[in-house]
PDB file of N, CA and C in Angstrom:
ATOM      1  N   MET A   1       0.816  -1.196   0.000  1.00  0.00           N
ATOM      2  CA  MET A   1       0.000   0.000   0.000  1.00  0.00           C
ATOM      3  C   MET A   1       0.862   1.263   0.000  1.00  0.00           C
ATOM      4  N   ASN A   2       2.003   1.230   0.685  1.00  0.00           N
ATOM      5  CA  ASN A   2       2.870   2.399   0.729  1.00  0.00           C
ATOM      6  C   ASN A   2       3.458   2.735  -0.634  1.00  0.00           C
ATOM      7  N   TYR A   3       3.695   1.701  -1.451  1.00  0.00           N
ATOM      8  CA  TYR A   3       4.240   1.956  -2.773  1.00  0.00           C
ATOM      9  C   TYR A   3       3.260   2.716  -3.658  1.00  0.00           C
ATOM     10  N   ALA A   4       1.991   2.494  -3.451  1.00  0.00           N
ATOM     11  CA  ALA A   4       0.985   3.222  -4.229  1.00  0.00           C
ATOM     12  C   ALA A   4       1.050   4.709  -3.930  1.00  0.00           C
ATOM     13  N   TRP A   5       1.254   5.085  -2.661  1.00  0.00           N
ATOM     14  CA  TRP A   5       1.365   6.490  -2.294  1.00  0.00           C
ATOM     15  C   TRP A   5       2.637   7.104  -2.866  1.00  0.00           C
ATOM     16  N   VAL A   6       3.727   6.352  -2.866  1.00  0.00           N
ATOM     17  CA  VAL A   6       4.981   6.859  -3.425  1.00  0.00           C
ATOM     18  C   VAL A   6       4.841   7.069  -4.919  1.00  0.00           C
ATOM     19  N   ILE A   7       4.231   6.133  -5.599  1.00  0.00           N
ATOM     20  CA  ILE A   7       4.017   6.279  -7.043  1.00  0.00           C
ATOM     21  C   ILE A   7       3.118   7.471  -7.333  1.00  0.00           C
ATOM     22  N   LEU A   8       2.071   7.643  -6.549  1.00  0.00           N
ATOM     23  CA  LEU A   8       1.176   8.790  -6.720  1.00  0.00           C
ATOM     24  C   LEU A   8       1.915  10.104  -6.475  1.00  0.00           C
ATOM     25  N   LEU A   9       2.758  10.149  -5.449  1.00  0.00           N
ATOM     26  CA  LEU A   9       3.516  11.356  -5.144  1.00  0.00           C
ATOM     27  C   LEU A   9       4.500  11.693  -6.256  1.00  0.00           C
ATOM     28  N   VAL A  10       5.237  10.705  -6.726  1.00  0.00           N
ATOM     29  CA  VAL A  10       6.222  10.941  -7.791  1.00  0.00           C
ATOM     30  C   VAL A  10       5.536  11.358  -9.087  1.00  0.00           C
ATOM     31  N   SER A  11       4.447  10.723  -9.427  1.00  0.00           N
ATOM     32  CA  SER A  11       3.744  11.102 -10.657  1.00  0.00           C
ATOM     33  C   SER A  11       3.125  12.494 -10.533  1.00  0.00           C
ATOM     34  N   SER A  12       2.626  12.858  -9.361  1.00  0.00           N
ATOM     35  CA  SER A  12       2.058  14.199  -9.171  1.00  0.00           C
ATOM     36  C   SER A  12       3.125  15.273  -9.273  1.00  0.00           C
ATOM     37  N   ILE A  13       4.271  15.033  -8.655  1.00  0.00           N
ATOM     38  CA  ILE A  13       5.364  16.009  -8.714  1.00  0.00           C
ATOM     39  C   ILE A  13       5.871  16.155 -10.135  1.00  0.00           C
ATOM     40  N   SER A  14       6.044  15.044 -10.846  1.00  0.00           N
ATOM     41  CA  SER A  14       6.526  15.135 -12.226  1.00  0.00           C
ATOM     42  C   SER A  14       5.508  15.825 -13.131  1.00  0.00           C
ATOM     43  N   LEU A  15       4.227  15.593 -12.913  1.00  0.00           N
ATOM     44  CA  LEU A  15       3.202  16.284 -13.699  1.00  0.00           C
ATOM     45  C   LEU A  15       3.190  17.778 -13.386  1.00  0.00           C
ATOM     46  N   LEU A  16       3.350  18.132 -12.121  1.00  0.00           N
ATOM     47  CA  LEU A  16       3.412  19.541 -11.743  1.00  0.00           C
ATOM     48  C   LEU A  16       4.611  20.227 -12.374  1.00  0.00           C
ATOM     49  N   ILE A  17       5.766  19.580 -12.362  1.00  0.00           N
ATOM     50  CA  ILE A  17       6.962  20.147 -12.992  1.00  0.00           C
ATOM     51  C   ILE A  17       6.747  20.303 -14.484  1.00  0.00           C
ATOM     52  N   LEU A  18       6.125  19.330 -15.111  1.00  0.00           N
ATOM     53  CA  LEU A  18       5.850  19.416 -16.545  1.00  0.00           C
ATOM     54  C   LEU A  18       4.915  20.575 -16.860  1.00  0.00           C
ATOM     55  N   ILE A  19       3.884  20.763 -16.064  1.00  0.00           N
ATOM     56  CA  ILE A  19       2.938  21.860 -16.295  1.00  0.00           C
ATOM     57  C   ILE A  19       3.615  23.209 -16.095  1.00  0.00           C
ATOM     58  N   VAL A  20       4.437  23.324 -15.049  1.00  0.00           N
ATOM     59  CA  VAL A  20       5.121  24.593 -14.789  1.00  0.00           C
ATOM     60  C   VAL A  20       6.089  24.922 -15.906  1.00  0.00           C
ATOM     61  N   LEU A  21       6.809  23.922 -16.410  1.00  0.00           N
ATOM     62  CA  LEU A  21       7.774  24.179 -17.479  1.00  0.00           C
ATOM     63  C   LEU A  21       7.108  24.458 -18.817  1.00  0.00           C
ATOM     64  N   LYS A  22       5.896  23.973 -19.028  1.00  0.00           N
ATOM     65  CA  LYS A  22       5.192  24.214 -20.285  1.00  0.00           C
ATOM     66  C   LYS A  22       4.557  25.609 -20.357  1.00  0.00           C
ATOM     67  N   THR A  23       4.287  26.215 -19.208  1.00  0.00           N
ATOM     68  CA  THR A  23       3.683  27.548 -19.234  1.00  0.00           C
ATOM     69  C   THR A  23       4.736  28.571 -19.642  1.00  0.00           C
ATOM     70  N   ARG A  24       4.289  29.660 -20.159  1.00  0.00           N
ATOM     71  CA  ARG A  24       5.215  30.664 -20.687  1.00  0.00           C
ATOM     72  C   ARG A  24       5.882  31.494 -19.601  1.00  0.00           C
ATOM     73  N   GLY A  25       5.194  31.746 -18.521  1.00  0.00           N
ATOM     74  CA  GLY A  25       5.725  32.637 -17.510  1.00  0.00           C
ATOM     75  C   GLY A  25       6.349  31.918 -16.325  1.00  0.00           C
ATOM     76  N   TRP A  26       6.900  30.720 -16.525  1.00  0.00           N
ATOM     77  CA  TRP A  26       7.431  29.968 -15.395  1.00  0.00           C
ATOM     78  C   TRP A  26       8.667  30.616 -14.806  1.00  0.00           C
ATOM     79  N   ALA A  27       9.494  31.237 -15.624  1.00  0.00           N
ATOM     80  CA  ALA A  27      10.692  31.894 -15.097  1.00  0.00           C
ATOM     81  C   ALA A  27      10.295  33.103 -14.243  1.00  0.00           C
ATOM     82  N   ARG A  28       9.300  33.838 -14.704  1.00  0.00           N
ATOM     83  CA  ARG A  28       8.825  34.988 -13.941  1.00  0.00           C
ATOM     84  C   ARG A  28       8.198  34.535 -12.626  1.00  0.00           C
ATOM     85  N   LEU A  29       7.479  33.422 -12.654  1.00  0.00           N
ATOM     86  CA  LEU A  29       6.874  32.872 -11.446  1.00  0.00           C
ATOM     87  C   LEU A  29       7.945  32.450 -10.438  1.00  0.00           C
ATOM     88  N   LEU A  30       8.996  31.800 -10.911  1.00  0.00           N
ATOM     89  CA  LEU A  30      10.073  31.383 -10.013  1.00  0.00           C
ATOM     90  C   LEU A  30      10.829  32.580  -9.442  1.00  0.00           C
ATOM     91  N   LYS A  31      11.035  33.616 -10.254  1.00  0.00           N
ATOM     92  CA  LYS A  31      11.691  34.826  -9.758  1.00  0.00           C
ATOM     93  C   LYS A  31      10.839  35.507  -8.689  1.00  0.00           C
ATOM     94  N   TYR A  32       9.543  35.563  -8.921  1.00  0.00           N
ATOM     95  CA  TYR A  32       8.622  36.173  -7.966  1.00  0.00           C
ATOM     96  C   TYR A  32       8.614  35.406  -6.648  1.00  0.00           C
ATOM     97  N   ALA A  33       8.573  34.085  -6.730  1.00  0.00           N
ATOM     98  CA  ALA A  33       8.565  33.258  -5.520  1.00  0.00           C
ATOM     99  C   ALA A  33       9.881  33.390  -4.766  1.00  0.00           C
ATOM    100  N   ALA A  34      10.997  33.378  -5.480  1.00  0.00           N
ATOM    101  CA  ALA A  34      12.297  33.508  -4.825  1.00  0.00           C
ATOM    102  C   ALA A  34      12.451  34.884  -4.175  1.00  0.00           C
ATOM    103  N   LEU A  35      11.979  35.910  -4.848  1.00  0.00           N
ATOM    104  CA  LEU A  35      12.060  37.256  -4.286  1.00  0.00           C
ATOM    105  C   LEU A  35      11.211  37.364  -3.019  1.00  0.00           C
ATOM    106  N   ASN A  36      10.021  36.791  -3.032  1.00  0.00           N
ATOM    107  CA  ASN A  36       9.171  36.806  -1.838  1.00  0.00           C
ATOM    108  C   ASN A  36       9.824  36.077  -0.676  1.00  0.00           C
ATOM    109  N   LEU A  37      10.471  34.952  -0.942  1.00  0.00           N
ATOM    110  CA  LEU A  37      11.111  34.195   0.129  1.00  0.00           C
ATOM    111  C   LEU A  37      12.310  34.952   0.704  1.00  0.00           C
ATOM    112  N   VAL A  38      13.073  35.625  -0.142  1.00  0.00           N
ATOM    113  CA  VAL A  38      14.210  36.413   0.346  1.00  0.00           C
ATOM    114  C   VAL A  38      13.728  37.588   1.188  1.00  0.00           C
ATOM    115  N   ILE A  39      12.702  38.271   0.726  1.00  0.00           N
ATOM    116  CA  ILE A  39      12.151  39.394   1.494  1.00  0.00           C
ATOM    117  C   ILE A  39      11.592  38.906   2.826  1.00  0.00           C
ATOM    118  N   ALA A  40      10.930  37.754   2.830  1.00  0.00           N
ATOM    119  CA  ALA A  40      10.395  37.202   4.073  1.00  0.00           C
ATOM    120  C   ALA A  40      11.514  36.840   5.041  1.00  0.00           C
ATOM    121  N   GLY A  41      12.599  36.287   4.531  1.00  0.00           N
ATOM    122  CA  GLY A  41      13.737  35.961   5.389  1.00  0.00           C
ATOM    123  C   GLY A  41      14.349  37.200   6.020  1.00  0.00           C
ATOM    124  N   PHE A  42      14.532  38.255   5.225  1.00  0.00           N
ATOM    125  CA  PHE A  42      15.066  39.502   5.763  1.00  0.00           C
ATOM    126  C   PHE A  42      14.109  40.136   6.764  1.00  0.00           C
ATOM    127  N   ALA A  43      12.814  40.068   6.487  1.00  0.00           N
ATOM    128  CA  ALA A  43      11.835  40.636   7.419  1.00  0.00           C
ATOM    129  C   ALA A  43      11.877  39.911   8.755  1.00  0.00           C
ATOM    130  N   LEU A  44      11.975  38.588   8.720  1.00  0.00           N
ATOM    131  CA  LEU A  44      12.071  37.840   9.970  1.00  0.00           C
ATOM    132  C   LEU A  44      13.362  38.149  10.710  1.00  0.00           C
ATOM    133  N   TYR A  45      14.442  38.285   9.972  1.00  0.00           N
ATOM    134  CA  TYR A  45      15.723  38.602  10.599  1.00  0.00           C
ATOM    135  C   TYR A  45      15.674  39.963  11.290  1.00  0.00           C
ATOM    136  N   PHE A  46      15.113  40.961  10.634  1.00  0.00           N
ATOM    137  CA  PHE A  46      15.046  42.289  11.229  1.00  0.00           C
ATOM    138  C   PHE A  46      14.034  42.354  12.373  1.00  0.00           C
ATOM    139  N   LEU A  47      13.000  41.534  12.326  1.00  0.00           N
ATOM    140  CA  LEU A  47      12.081  41.461  13.466  1.00  0.00           C
ATOM    141  C   LEU A  47      12.762  40.847  14.680  1.00  0.00           C
ATOM    142  N   ARG A  48      13.700  39.921  14.450  1.00  0.00           N
ATOM    143  CA  ARG A  48      14.438  39.329  15.562  1.00  0.00           C
ATOM    144  C   ARG A  48      15.342  40.362  16.234  1.00  0.00           C
ATOM    145  N   LEU A  49      15.747  41.391  15.509  1.00  0.00           N
ATOM    146  CA  LEU A  49      16.620  42.419  16.076  1.00  0.00           C
ATOM    147  C   LEU A  49      15.886  43.374  17.010  1.00  0.00           C
ATOM    148  N   THR A  50      14.572  43.417  16.929  1.00  0.00           N
ATOM    149  CA  THR A  50      13.809  44.296  17.809  1.00  0.00           C
ATOM    150  C   THR A  50      13.742  43.698  19.204  1.00  0.00           C
ATOM    151  N   ASP A  51      13.476  44.514  20.180  1.00  0.00           N
ATOM    152  CA  ASP A  51      13.392  44.046  21.558  1.00  0.00           C
ATOM    153  C   ASP A  51      11.964  43.739  21.989  1.00  0.00           C
ATOM    154  N   ILE A  52      11.030  43.791  21.066  1.00  0.00           N
ATOM    155  CA  ILE A  52       9.637  43.502  21.385  1.00  0.00           C
ATOM    156  C   ILE A  52       9.470  41.989  21.455  1.00  0.00           C
ATOM    157  N   GLU A  53       9.011  41.490  22.591  1.00  0.00           N
ATOM    158  CA  GLU A  53       8.949  40.049  22.807  1.00  0.00           C
ATOM    159  C   GLU A  53       7.943  39.361  21.891  1.00  0.00           C
ATOM    160  N   ALA A  54       6.855  40.015  21.555  1.00  0.00           N
ATOM    161  CA  ALA A  54       5.834  39.406  20.694  1.00  0.00           C
ATOM    162  C   ALA A  54       6.328  39.227  19.261  1.00  0.00           C
ATOM    163  N   LEU A  55       7.347  39.982  18.860  1.00  0.00           N
ATOM    164  CA  LEU A  55       7.857  39.897  17.494  1.00  0.00           C
ATOM    165  C   LEU A  55       9.053  38.963  17.364  1.00  0.00           C
ATOM    166  N   GLN A  56       9.383  38.220  18.398  1.00  0.00           N
ATOM    167  CA  GLN A  56      10.521  37.313  18.366  1.00  0.00           C
ATOM    168  C   GLN A  56      10.099  35.984  17.742  1.00  0.00           C
ATOM    169  N   LEU A  57      10.040  35.958  16.428  1.00  0.00           N
ATOM    170  CA  LEU A  57       9.655  34.757  15.693  1.00  0.00           C
ATOM    171  C   LEU A  57      10.902  33.988  15.282  1.00  0.00           C
ATOM    172  N   ALA A  58      10.804  32.684  15.241  1.00  0.00           N
ATOM    173  CA  ALA A  58      11.917  31.850  14.808  1.00  0.00           C
ATOM    174  C   ALA A  58      12.121  32.006  13.310  1.00  0.00           C
ATOM    175  N   VAL A  59      13.373  32.015  12.906  1.00  0.00           N
ATOM    176  CA  VAL A  59      13.694  32.071  11.484  1.00  0.00           C
ATOM    177  C   VAL A  59      13.995  30.638  11.052  1.00  0.00           C
ATOM    178  N   ASN A  60      13.019  29.997  10.450  1.00  0.00           N
ATOM    179  CA  ASN A  60      13.178  28.648   9.924  1.00  0.00           C
ATOM    180  C   ASN A  60      12.382  28.550   8.622  1.00  0.00           C
ATOM    181  N   PRO A  61      12.543  27.472   7.875  1.00  0.00           N
ATOM    182  CA  PRO A  61      11.858  27.381   6.576  1.00  0.00           C
ATOM    183  C   PRO A  61      10.339  27.501   6.667  1.00  0.00           C
ATOM    184  N   TYR A  62       9.741  27.023   7.749  1.00  0.00           N
ATOM    185  CA  TYR A  62       8.283  27.085   7.869  1.00  0.00           C
ATOM    186  C   TYR A  62       7.789  28.528   7.985  1.00  0.00           C
ATOM    187  N   THR A  63       8.441  29.310   8.821  1.00  0.00           N
ATOM    188  CA  THR A  63       8.004  30.699   8.980  1.00  0.00           C
ATOM    189  C   THR A  63       8.326  31.515   7.739  1.00  0.00           C
ATOM    190  N   VAL A  64       9.478  31.251   7.118  1.00  0.00           N
ATOM    191  CA  VAL A  64       9.838  31.985   5.897  1.00  0.00           C
ATOM    192  C   VAL A  64       8.846  31.682   4.778  1.00  0.00           C
ATOM    193  N   PHE A  65       8.475  30.421   4.605  1.00  0.00           N
ATOM    194  CA  PHE A  65       7.512  30.074   3.558  1.00  0.00           C
ATOM    195  C   PHE A  65       6.120  30.614   3.876  1.00  0.00           C
ATOM    196  N   THR A  66       5.743  30.622   5.157  1.00  0.00           N
ATOM    197  CA  THR A  66       4.441  31.169   5.528  1.00  0.00           C
ATOM    198  C   THR A  66       4.359  32.643   5.182  1.00  0.00           C
ATOM    199  N   ILE A  67       5.394  33.390   5.544  1.00  0.00           N
ATOM    200  CA  ILE A  67       5.390  34.823   5.233  1.00  0.00           C
ATOM    201  C   ILE A  67       5.599  35.051   3.745  1.00  0.00           C
ATOM    202  N   GLY A  68       6.431  34.237   3.105  1.00  0.00           N
ATOM    203  CA  GLY A  68       6.672  34.396   1.671  1.00  0.00           C
ATOM    204  C   GLY A  68       5.434  34.156   0.836  1.00  0.00           C
ATOM    205  N   ILE A  69       4.597  33.219   1.250  1.00  0.00           N
ATOM    206  CA  ILE A  69       3.395  32.911   0.474  1.00  0.00           C
ATOM    207  C   ILE A  69       2.235  33.826   0.853  1.00  0.00           C
ATOM    208  N   LEU A  70       2.016  34.024   2.153  1.00  0.00           N
ATOM    209  CA  LEU A  70       0.852  34.793   2.599  1.00  0.00           C
ATOM    210  C   LEU A  70       1.114  36.291   2.732  1.00  0.00           C
ATOM    211  N   GLY A  71       2.368  36.679   2.869  1.00  0.00           N
ATOM    212  CA  GLY A  71       2.694  38.098   2.986  1.00  0.00           C
ATOM    213  C   GLY A  71       2.404  38.646   4.376  1.00  0.00           C
ATOM    214  N   ILE A  72       1.885  39.871   4.421  1.00  0.00           N
ATOM    215  CA  ILE A  72       1.585  40.536   5.691  1.00  0.00           C
ATOM    216  C   ILE A  72       0.568  39.747   6.527  1.00  0.00           C
ATOM    217  N   PRO A  73      -0.501  39.191   5.941  1.00  0.00           N
ATOM    218  CA  PRO A  73      -1.392  38.372   6.762  1.00  0.00           C
ATOM    219  C   PRO A  73      -0.689  37.163   7.379  1.00  0.00           C
ATOM    220  N   GLY A  74       0.273  36.589   6.684  1.00  0.00           N
ATOM    221  CA  GLY A  74       1.040  35.483   7.249  1.00  0.00           C
ATOM    222  C   GLY A  74       1.897  35.924   8.417  1.00  0.00           C
ATOM    223  N   LEU A  75       2.476  37.111   8.303  1.00  0.00           N
ATOM    224  CA  LEU A  75       3.256  37.656   9.410  1.00  0.00           C
ATOM    225  C   LEU A  75       2.363  37.907  10.617  1.00  0.00           C
ATOM    226  N   LEU A  76       1.202  38.486  10.392  1.00  0.00           N
ATOM    227  CA  LEU A  76       0.271  38.731  11.487  1.00  0.00           C
ATOM    228  C   LEU A  76      -0.224  37.419  12.096  1.00  0.00           C
ATOM    229  N   LEU A  77      -0.422  36.404  11.262  1.00  0.00           N
ATOM    230  CA  LEU A  77      -0.820  35.091  11.755  1.00  0.00           C
ATOM    231  C   LEU A  77       0.244  34.519  12.682  1.00  0.00           C
ATOM    232  N   LEU A  78       1.508  34.587  12.274  1.00  0.00           N
ATOM    233  CA  LEU A  78       2.579  34.045  13.103  1.00  0.00           C
ATOM    234  C   LEU A  78       2.752  34.836  14.393  1.00  0.00           C
ATOM    235  N   ILE A  79       2.610  36.142  14.321  1.00  0.00           N
ATOM    236  CA  ILE A  79       2.707  36.966  15.538  1.00  0.00           C
ATOM    237  C   ILE A  79       1.573  36.630  16.489  1.00  0.00           C
ATOM    238  N   GLY A  80       0.361  36.472  15.960  1.00  0.00           N
ATOM    239  CA  GLY A  80      -0.782  36.100  16.788  1.00  0.00           C
ATOM    240  C   GLY A  80      -0.616  34.733  17.420  1.00  0.00           C
ATOM    241  N   MET A  81      -0.101  33.775  16.638  1.00  0.00           N
ATOM    242  CA  MET A  81       0.117  32.446  17.189  1.00  0.00           C
ATOM    243  C   MET A  81       1.209  32.473  18.251  1.00  0.00           C
ATOM    244  N   ASN A  82       2.261  33.235  18.006  1.00  0.00           N
ATOM    245  CA  ASN A  82       3.344  33.347  18.988  1.00  0.00           C
ATOM    246  C   ASN A  82       2.853  34.001  20.266  1.00  0.00           C
ATOM    247  N   TYR A  83       2.017  34.996  20.130  1.00  0.00           N
ATOM    248  CA  TYR A  83       1.499  35.710  21.304  1.00  0.00           C
ATOM    249  C   TYR A  83       0.553  34.844  22.124  1.00  0.00           C
ATOM    250  N   THR A  84      -0.305  34.064  21.451  1.00  0.00           N
ATOM    251  CA  THR A  84      -1.288  33.283  22.199  1.00  0.00           C
ATOM    252  C   THR A  84      -0.728  31.951  22.702  1.00  0.00           C
ATOM    253  N   LEU A  85       0.175  31.331  21.965  1.00  0.00           N
ATOM    254  CA  LEU A  85       0.681  30.019  22.357  1.00  0.00           C
ATOM    255  C   LEU A  85       1.857  30.081  23.332  1.00  0.00           C
ATOM    256  N   PHE A  86       2.645  31.121  23.217  1.00  0.00           N
ATOM    257  CA  PHE A  86       3.850  31.172  24.054  1.00  0.00           C
ATOM    258  C   PHE A  86       3.739  32.357  24.940  1.00  0.00           C
TER     259      PHE A  86
END
């Protein structure tokens, strides 16, 4: 049964890569995504430099991708979760 999931995962990833490479704006999409992730990483780094305890978010791939994909609402989501959980 586990092999069926692996085959499904590999075929889905390869189909996704094929679709992304066939579209015309894939390079622009990758540049946009990379730029968002870099900006999110810098934003998290500079938030760590502040002395405000609620803004002390961990800089790891999960938080960077959350902020990179969702933007300002993602940052507010992480701050809210950090404030209420910790």
